[in-house]
């Protein structure tokens, strides 16, 4: 069973098929400590093992000021090299857990997304953001560099040259900047962010679950292999859907002029 009693996250089921995952340390701008890293890993790994009917995840932060300020620098102050590497290994596993989540993950960025917080948004499948949200990869100003796929994901979102400027300067940018550069799919009024994200999540959740999961994998592979290899992956995924009950239901519902009732079978 999917746990809901986390210390640093609030986890809430919406409409049976949508899971709201809220980073819940607003007193420190939802900065990630080791516990939060461990719980992120557990939440998303549990979905990899069994989605339990979840068809879409919305990842957001508590409050209206911060999505996530990145790593908790107060906890990191005075860490030995070994302790730092251990904590980062935890964060790395959390990155893999989000990236490997079989169902779509939408980041609803409600405020500042700096450092690892920006990388967390980039690890989601796509991003909706409040018009008041701010983004930055500030790691080079602290003597480190992005280490949660920032240097990998950002160039795909905004292009190599823009990504280099963002990463090399550490300068914050607005949600509107992110939208114009291709990082953000939609900029929302602050009061409408969650509802706008839910509208899209519900559209996703109303579609055939196996189709969405296989399409997600196929799109993720596309940027990592040549097109011919990617197409072979796509065809393998496609052909596994032909014998599904949802394929039969989708075609039948279309012909009967009614909404399909997909079960994931």
Protein backbone atom coordinates (compact mmCIF):
# COMPACT_ATOMS: atom_id res chain seq x y z
CA UNK A 1 0.00 0.00 0.00
CA UNK A 2 1.18 3.50 -0.84
CA UNK A 3 2.14 5.26 2.39
CA UNK A 4 0.75 8.69 3.23
CA UNK A 5 2.40 9.24 6.64
CA UNK A 6 5.64 10.86 5.52
CA UNK A 7 7.54 13.37 7.63
CA UNK A 8 8.68 15.75 4.88
CA UNK A 9 6.02 15.13 2.22
CA UNK A 10 2.24 15.29 2.18
CA UNK A 11 0.75 12.66 -0.13
CA UNK A 12 -2.88 12.90 -1.16
CA UNK A 13 -5.01 10.85 -3.55
CA UNK A 14 -7.33 12.89 -5.78
CA UNK A 15 -10.12 11.46 -7.96
CA UNK A 16 -8.83 7.89 -7.43
CA UNK A 17 -6.19 8.13 -10.18
CA UNK A 18 -4.19 11.31 -9.37
CA UNK A 19 -1.55 11.53 -6.66
CA UNK A 20 -0.62 14.92 -5.23
CA UNK A 21 2.90 14.85 -3.76
CA UNK A 22 3.72 17.99 -1.77
CA UNK A 23 7.19 18.88 -0.49
CA UNK A 24 6.27 19.86 3.04
CA UNK A 25 9.01 21.86 4.76
CA UNK A 26 7.71 25.41 4.16
CA UNK A 27 9.63 26.76 7.16
CA UNK A 28 12.87 26.23 5.20
CA UNK A 29 11.49 26.94 1.70
CA UNK A 30 11.03 23.18 1.18
CA UNK A 31 14.81 22.72 1.08
CA UNK A 32 15.83 19.08 0.85
CA UNK A 33 17.49 17.45 3.82
CA UNK A 34 18.58 13.81 3.88
CA UNK A 35 15.21 12.65 5.24
CA UNK A 36 13.42 14.37 2.39
CA UNK A 37 15.75 12.70 -0.11
CA UNK A 38 15.03 9.29 1.38
CA UNK A 39 11.28 9.90 1.33
CA UNK A 40 11.32 11.12 -2.29
CA UNK A 41 13.11 7.91 -3.21
CA UNK A 42 10.54 5.79 -1.34
CA UNK A 43 7.47 7.53 -2.77
CA UNK A 44 8.51 7.22 -6.39
CA UNK A 45 10.06 3.77 -6.08
CA UNK A 46 6.78 2.51 -4.60
CA UNK A 47 4.97 3.73 -7.74
CA UNK A 48 7.53 1.92 -9.89
CA UNK A 49 6.75 -1.30 -8.00
CA UNK A 50 2.97 -0.83 -8.04
CA UNK A 51 1.08 2.22 -9.31
CA UNK A 52 -1.98 1.14 -7.29
CA UNK A 53 -4.23 2.78 -9.88
CA UNK A 54 -2.32 6.08 -9.94
CA UNK A 55 -2.28 7.42 -13.50
CA UNK A 56 -0.67 10.84 -12.97
CA UNK A 57 1.40 12.55 -10.25
CA UNK A 58 1.43 16.26 -9.45
CA UNK A 59 4.60 17.32 -7.62
CA UNK A 60 4.47 20.69 -5.85
CA UNK A 61 5.66 22.54 -2.77
CA UNK A 62 3.86 23.71 0.36
CA UNK A 63 3.11 27.44 0.54
CA UNK A 64 3.19 30.24 -2.01
CA UNK A 65 6.83 31.26 -1.71
CA UNK A 66 8.91 28.20 -2.59
CA UNK A 67 8.63 25.06 -4.67
CA UNK A 68 12.01 23.89 -3.39
CA UNK A 69 15.12 25.90 -2.51
CA UNK A 70 17.43 22.98 -3.29
CA UNK A 71 19.66 21.20 -0.79
CA UNK A 72 19.34 22.20 2.87
CA UNK A 73 22.56 24.17 3.31
CA UNK A 74 22.12 24.41 7.10
CA UNK A 75 22.18 20.61 7.33
CA UNK A 76 25.12 20.52 4.95
CA UNK A 77 27.15 23.06 6.93
CA UNK A 78 30.08 21.24 8.54
CA UNK A 79 29.47 17.94 6.77
CA UNK A 80 32.51 15.78 6.13
CA UNK A 81 33.23 14.79 2.54
CA UNK A 82 31.95 11.30 3.32
CA UNK A 83 28.68 12.64 4.78
CA UNK A 84 28.19 14.93 1.77
CA UNK A 85 28.75 12.07 -0.66
CA UNK A 86 26.32 9.85 1.25
CA UNK A 87 23.62 12.52 1.16
CA UNK A 88 24.18 13.16 -2.51
CA UNK A 89 23.97 9.42 -3.23
CA UNK A 90 20.53 9.52 -1.60
CA UNK A 91 19.56 12.46 -3.83
CA UNK A 92 20.85 10.61 -6.89
CA UNK A 93 18.61 7.65 -6.11
CA UNK A 94 15.71 10.08 -5.74
CA UNK A 95 16.45 11.46 -9.21
CA UNK A 96 16.37 7.96 -10.70
CA UNK A 97 13.11 7.23 -8.85
CA UNK A 98 11.36 10.28 -10.32
CA UNK A 99 12.80 9.71 -13.80
CA UNK A 100 11.74 6.04 -13.72
CA UNK A 101 8.22 6.72 -12.43
CA UNK A 102 6.01 4.79 -14.88
CA UNK A 103 3.21 7.37 -14.86
CA UNK A 104 3.50 11.03 -15.91
CA UNK A 105 4.82 13.48 -13.31
CA UNK A 106 3.78 17.13 -13.66
CA UNK A 107 5.73 19.67 -11.63
CA UNK A 108 3.45 22.47 -10.39
CA UNK A 109 6.04 25.08 -9.45
CA UNK A 110 4.42 27.40 -6.92
CA UNK A 111 7.41 29.57 -6.01
CA UNK A 112 11.20 29.63 -5.99
CA UNK A 113 12.83 26.60 -7.62
CA UNK A 114 16.54 27.05 -7.05
CA UNK A 115 19.44 24.63 -7.39
CA UNK A 116 18.18 21.12 -6.74
CA UNK A 117 14.63 22.49 -6.69
CA UNK A 118 14.98 23.61 -10.31
CA UNK A 119 16.48 20.21 -11.13
CA UNK A 120 13.53 18.50 -9.44
CA UNK A 121 11.17 20.39 -11.75
CA UNK A 122 13.32 19.45 -14.75
CA UNK A 123 13.14 15.77 -13.78
CA UNK A 124 9.34 15.87 -14.06
CA UNK A 125 7.78 15.13 -17.45
CA UNK A 126 6.73 18.75 -17.84
CA UNK A 127 6.22 21.90 -15.81
CA UNK A 128 3.36 24.26 -15.03
CA UNK A 129 4.45 27.33 -13.05
CA UNK A 130 2.95 30.17 -11.09
CA UNK A 131 3.64 33.56 -12.66
CA UNK A 132 5.45 34.43 -9.41
CA UNK A 133 7.81 31.43 -9.60
CA UNK A 134 11.54 31.99 -10.03
CA UNK A 135 14.11 29.51 -11.28
CA UNK A 136 17.89 29.24 -11.03
CA UNK A 137 20.70 26.72 -11.06
CA UNK A 138 22.91 28.39 -8.45
CA UNK A 139 25.35 25.56 -7.75
CA UNK A 140 28.43 27.23 -9.25
CA UNK A 141 27.99 30.12 -6.80
CA UNK A 142 28.50 27.58 -3.98
CA UNK A 143 31.59 25.87 -5.35
CA UNK A 144 29.74 22.86 -6.77
CA UNK A 145 27.76 22.24 -9.97
CA UNK A 146 24.36 20.77 -10.84
CA UNK A 147 24.31 17.14 -9.74
CA UNK A 148 20.68 16.06 -10.15
CA UNK A 149 20.63 15.90 -13.97
CA UNK A 150 20.62 19.68 -14.40
CA UNK A 151 23.37 19.62 -17.02
CA UNK A 152 21.55 16.81 -18.84
CA UNK A 153 17.92 17.96 -18.75
CA UNK A 154 18.33 21.71 -19.19
CA UNK A 155 19.95 21.61 -22.66
CA UNK A 156 17.07 19.44 -23.90
CA UNK A 157 14.59 21.99 -22.58
CA UNK A 158 16.18 25.30 -23.57
CA UNK A 159 19.05 24.44 -25.92
CA UNK A 160 22.75 24.06 -25.19
CA UNK A 161 23.75 27.73 -25.41
CA UNK A 162 20.94 29.00 -23.17
CA UNK A 163 21.62 26.17 -20.71
CA UNK A 164 25.29 27.12 -20.48
CA UNK A 165 24.40 30.74 -19.74
CA UNK A 166 21.92 29.72 -17.02
CA UNK A 167 24.33 27.27 -15.38
CA UNK A 168 27.55 29.33 -15.73
CA UNK A 169 26.02 32.54 -14.30
CA UNK A 170 23.67 31.09 -11.67
CA UNK A 171 21.34 34.01 -12.45
CA UNK A 172 17.63 33.57 -11.57
CA UNK A 173 14.99 33.86 -14.27
CA UNK A 174 11.22 34.25 -14.29
CA UNK A 175 8.48 31.78 -15.13
CA UNK A 176 7.76 33.81 -18.28
CA UNK A 177 11.43 33.50 -19.30
CA UNK A 178 11.21 29.75 -18.73
CA UNK A 179 8.06 29.56 -20.84
CA UNK A 180 9.62 31.47 -23.72
CA UNK A 181 12.75 29.30 -23.58
CA UNK A 182 10.84 25.99 -23.56
CA UNK A 183 11.38 24.91 -19.96
CA UNK A 184 7.80 25.58 -18.84
CA UNK A 185 4.64 24.40 -20.59
CA UNK A 186 2.21 26.87 -19.00
CA UNK A 187 2.39 29.95 -16.78
CA UNK A 188 -0.59 30.19 -14.43
CA UNK A 189 -2.02 32.79 -12.10
CA UNK A 190 -0.81 31.83 -8.60
CA UNK A 191 -4.33 31.10 -7.37
CA UNK A 192 -5.06 28.89 -10.39
CA UNK A 193 -1.85 26.84 -10.53
CA UNK A 194 -3.09 23.65 -8.88
CA UNK A 195 -6.49 23.72 -10.56
CA UNK A 196 -4.93 24.31 -13.99
CA UNK A 197 -2.51 21.44 -13.35
CA UNK A 198 -5.39 19.21 -12.21
CA UNK A 199 -7.28 19.88 -15.44
CA UNK A 200 -4.36 18.46 -17.40
CA UNK A 201 -3.77 15.63 -14.93
CA UNK A 202 -7.42 14.61 -15.26
CA UNK A 203 -7.14 14.55 -19.05
CA UNK A 204 -4.13 12.26 -18.75
CA UNK A 205 -5.85 10.07 -16.15
CA UNK A 206 -8.90 9.63 -18.41
CA UNK A 207 -6.78 8.04 -21.15
CA UNK A 208 -5.67 4.41 -21.37
CA UNK A 209 -3.08 3.89 -18.57
CA UNK A 210 -0.94 1.33 -20.42
CA UNK A 211 -0.91 3.58 -23.50
CA UNK A 212 0.29 6.54 -21.44
CA UNK A 213 2.99 4.54 -19.65
CA UNK A 214 4.37 3.02 -22.84
CA UNK A 215 4.22 6.33 -24.69
CA UNK A 216 6.11 7.97 -21.82
CA UNK A 217 8.90 5.41 -22.06
CA UNK A 218 9.07 5.75 -25.82
CA UNK A 219 9.32 9.56 -25.73
CA UNK A 220 11.98 9.36 -23.01
CA UNK A 221 14.07 7.00 -25.16
CA UNK A 222 13.76 9.26 -28.22
CA UNK A 223 16.41 11.76 -27.16
CA UNK A 224 18.91 9.07 -26.17
CA UNK A 225 19.12 6.89 -29.29
CA UNK A 226 19.03 7.33 -33.07
CA UNK A 227 15.60 7.59 -34.65
CA UNK A 228 15.65 4.15 -36.23
CA UNK A 229 16.40 2.50 -32.86
CA UNK A 230 13.82 4.73 -31.17
CA UNK A 231 11.22 3.71 -33.72
CA UNK A 232 11.91 0.03 -33.03
CA UNK A 233 11.31 0.74 -29.34
CA UNK A 234 8.09 2.56 -30.24
CA UNK A 235 6.85 -0.37 -32.33
CA UNK A 236 7.59 -2.88 -29.56
CA UNK A 237 5.57 -0.72 -27.15
CA UNK A 238 2.78 -0.21 -29.69
CA UNK A 239 2.39 -3.89 -30.48
CA UNK A 240 2.10 -4.80 -26.81
CA UNK A 241 -1.05 -2.65 -26.67
CA UNK A 242 -2.83 -4.36 -29.58
CA UNK A 243 -4.07 -7.26 -27.47
CA UNK A 244 -5.18 -5.13 -24.51
CA UNK A 245 -8.76 -4.81 -23.30
CA UNK A 246 -8.36 -1.03 -23.31
CA UNK A 247 -7.59 -1.07 -27.04
CA UNK A 248 -10.85 -2.93 -27.65
CA UNK A 249 -12.72 -0.58 -25.31
CA UNK A 250 -11.28 2.54 -26.98
CA UNK A 251 -12.38 1.53 -30.46
CA UNK A 252 -15.77 0.32 -29.21
CA UNK A 253 -16.41 3.56 -27.29
CA UNK A 254 -15.50 5.62 -30.36
CA UNK A 255 -17.97 3.70 -32.52
CA UNK A 256 -20.67 3.87 -29.86
CA UNK A 257 -20.06 7.64 -29.48
CA UNK A 258 -19.41 7.45 -25.74
CA UNK A 259 -16.55 8.12 -23.37
CA UNK A 260 -14.21 5.15 -22.99
CA UNK A 261 -13.92 3.46 -19.60
CA UNK A 262 -10.29 2.42 -19.42
CA UNK A 263 -9.22 -0.05 -16.74
CA UNK A 264 -5.53 -0.48 -17.49
CA UNK A 265 -6.00 -4.05 -18.74
